[in-house]
Amino acid sequence: MPVVSMFFGIVVRMYYDDHNPPHIHVEYQGGKVVLDFQGNVLKGELGSRTALKLVREWVDLHTVELADDWDAARQGRSIKKIDPLD
């Protein structure tokens, strides 16, 4: 599964052949969570409220890019890396 972005030890991934709704898979220190592009938790636990807050902030900043990557992935095209949170 391609890595979309990495920041502060957080890894954001997106599957190429995944189901709707559009979402990302996030890992942090052994915790795993699936979030939609509005920052809602669909599945799992990250184990850190701070890390989840940072991911939600990142999602808010990159919603359009995430949607573009989702569309590209669904069509079998390469996804683009998205800038990390600074």
C-alpha atoms as a PDB file:
ATOM      1  CA  MET A   1       0.000   0.000   0.000  1.00  0.00           C
ATOM      2  CA  PRO A   2       1.579   3.287  -1.092  1.00  0.00           C
ATOM      3  CA  VAL A   3       2.620   5.847   1.479  1.00  0.00           C
ATOM      4  CA  VAL A   4       0.881   9.164   0.832  1.00  0.00           C
ATOM      5  CA  SER A   5       2.674  11.120   3.551  1.00  0.00           C
ATOM      6  CA  MET A   6       4.757  10.776   6.724  1.00  0.00           C
ATOM      7  CA  PHE A   7       5.159  13.272   9.563  1.00  0.00           C
ATOM      8  CA  PHE A   8       5.983  13.123  13.287  1.00  0.00           C
ATOM      9  CA  GLY A   9       6.170   9.318  13.141  1.00  0.00           C
ATOM     10  CA  ILE A  10       2.713   9.113  11.548  1.00  0.00           C
ATOM     11  CA  VAL A  11       2.396   7.117   8.323  1.00  0.00           C
ATOM     12  CA  VAL A  12      -0.526   7.795   5.971  1.00  0.00           C
ATOM     13  CA  ARG A  13      -1.305   5.200   3.305  1.00  0.00           C
ATOM     14  CA  MET A  14      -3.905   4.654   0.608  1.00  0.00           C
ATOM     15  CA  TYR A  15      -4.819   1.339  -1.036  1.00  0.00           C
ATOM     16  CA  TYR A  16      -5.172   1.184  -4.818  1.00  0.00           C
ATOM     17  CA  ASP A  17      -8.137  -1.165  -4.949  1.00  0.00           C
ATOM     18  CA  ASP A  18     -10.042  -0.150  -1.836  1.00  0.00           C
ATOM     19  CA  HIS A  19     -13.748   0.208  -1.077  1.00  0.00           C
ATOM     20  CA  ASN A  20     -15.828   3.366  -0.678  1.00  0.00           C
ATOM     21  CA  PRO A  21     -16.126   5.736   1.073  1.00  0.00           C
ATOM     22  CA  PRO A  22     -12.829   7.414   0.202  1.00  0.00           C
ATOM     23  CA  HIS A  23     -10.445   7.023   3.135  1.00  0.00           C
ATOM     24  CA  ILE A  24      -6.869   6.761   4.360  1.00  0.00           C
ATOM     25  CA  HIS A  25      -5.102   4.258   6.588  1.00  0.00           C
ATOM     26  CA  VAL A  26      -3.000   5.829   9.343  1.00  0.00           C
ATOM     27  CA  GLU A  27      -0.413   4.178  11.585  1.00  0.00           C
ATOM     28  CA  TYR A  28       1.292   5.586  14.646  1.00  0.00           C
ATOM     29  CA  GLN A  29       3.334   3.650  17.222  1.00  0.00           C
ATOM     30  CA  GLY A  30       1.454   0.410  16.617  1.00  0.00           C
ATOM     31  CA  GLY A  31      -1.984   2.048  16.480  1.00  0.00           C
ATOM     32  CA  LYS A  32      -3.985   1.877  13.276  1.00  0.00           C
ATOM     33  CA  VAL A  33      -7.006   3.859  12.202  1.00  0.00           C
ATOM     34  CA  VAL A  34      -9.028   4.397   9.041  1.00  0.00           C
ATOM     35  CA  LEU A  35     -10.266   7.950   8.465  1.00  0.00           C
ATOM     36  CA  ASP A  36     -12.506   9.450   5.823  1.00  0.00           C
ATOM     37  CA  PHE A  37     -11.553  12.721   4.156  1.00  0.00           C
ATOM     38  CA  GLN A  38     -13.511  14.693   6.762  1.00  0.00           C
ATOM     39  CA  GLY A  39     -11.348  13.252   9.555  1.00  0.00           C
ATOM     40  CA  ASN A  40     -13.996  10.879  10.903  1.00  0.00           C
ATOM     41  CA  VAL A  41     -12.738   7.600  12.333  1.00  0.00           C
ATOM     42  CA  LEU A  42     -14.246   4.718  10.372  1.00  0.00           C
ATOM     43  CA  LYS A  43     -12.331   1.938  12.081  1.00  0.00           C
ATOM     44  CA  GLY A  44      -9.607   1.327  14.644  1.00  0.00           C
ATOM     45  CA  GLU A  45      -7.752   3.387  17.220  1.00  0.00           C
ATOM     46  CA  LEU A  46      -4.600   5.403  16.858  1.00  0.00           C
ATOM     47  CA  GLY A  47      -3.798   5.302  20.571  1.00  0.00           C
ATOM     48  CA  SER A  48      -2.828   8.967  20.759  1.00  0.00           C
ATOM     49  CA  ARG A  49      -5.254  11.875  20.811  1.00  0.00           C
ATOM     50  CA  THR A  50      -2.456  14.233  19.815  1.00  0.00           C
ATOM     51  CA  ALA A  51      -1.511  12.144  16.766  1.00  0.00           C
ATOM     52  CA  LEU A  52      -5.171  11.902  15.739  1.00  0.00           C
ATOM     53  CA  LYS A  53      -5.533  15.678  16.083  1.00  0.00           C
ATOM     54  CA  LEU A  54      -2.455  16.183  13.879  1.00  0.00           C
ATOM     55  CA  VAL A  55      -3.809  13.802  11.239  1.00  0.00           C
ATOM     56  CA  ARG A  56      -7.156  15.587  11.222  1.00  0.00           C
ATOM     57  CA  GLU A  57      -5.383  18.917  10.788  1.00  0.00           C
ATOM     58  CA  TRP A  58      -3.389  17.449   7.895  1.00  0.00           C
ATOM     59  CA  VAL A  59      -6.559  16.027   6.287  1.00  0.00           C
ATOM     60  CA  ASP A  60      -8.245  19.446   6.526  1.00  0.00           C
ATOM     61  CA  LEU A  61      -5.290  21.020   4.712  1.00  0.00           C
ATOM     62  CA  HIS A  62      -5.130  18.395   1.955  1.00  0.00           C
ATOM     63  CA  THR A  63      -8.706  17.282   1.249  1.00  0.00           C
ATOM     64  CA  VAL A  64      -8.529  18.135  -2.456  1.00  0.00           C
ATOM     65  CA  GLU A  65      -5.199  16.338  -2.904  1.00  0.00           C
ATOM     66  CA  LEU A  66      -6.536  13.294  -1.069  1.00  0.00           C
ATOM     67  CA  ALA A  67      -9.578  13.184  -3.351  1.00  0.00           C
ATOM     68  CA  ASP A  68      -7.315  13.464  -6.401  1.00  0.00           C
ATOM     69  CA  ASP A  69      -5.151  10.591  -5.131  1.00  0.00           C
ATOM     70  CA  TRP A  70      -8.254   8.499  -4.398  1.00  0.00           C
ATOM     71  CA  ASP A  71      -9.518   9.014  -7.951  1.00  0.00           C
ATOM     72  CA  ALA A  72      -6.094   8.189  -9.398  1.00  0.00           C
ATOM     73  CA  ALA A  73      -5.805   5.041  -7.288  1.00  0.00           C
ATOM     74  CA  ARG A  74      -9.287   3.857  -8.286  1.00  0.00           C
ATOM     75  CA  GLN A  75      -8.265   4.266 -11.940  1.00  0.00           C
ATOM     76  CA  GLY A  76      -4.992   2.379 -11.418  1.00  0.00           C
ATOM     77  CA  ARG A  77      -2.812   5.455 -11.840  1.00  0.00           C
ATOM     78  CA  SER A  78       0.048   6.462  -9.578  1.00  0.00           C
ATOM     79  CA  ILE A  79      -0.811   8.544  -6.566  1.00  0.00           C
ATOM     80  CA  LYS A  80       1.161  11.620  -5.633  1.00  0.00           C
ATOM     81  CA  LYS A  81       2.897  12.210  -2.323  1.00  0.00           C
ATOM     82  CA  ILE A  82       1.270  14.882  -0.209  1.00  0.00           C
ATOM     83  CA  ASP A  83       3.348  17.342   1.808  1.00  0.00           C
ATOM     84  CA  PRO A  84       3.688  16.455   5.474  1.00  0.00           C
ATOM     85  CA  LEU A  85       2.497  18.588   8.326  1.00  0.00           C
ATOM     86  CA  ASP A  86       5.277  20.938   9.422  1.00  0.00           C
END
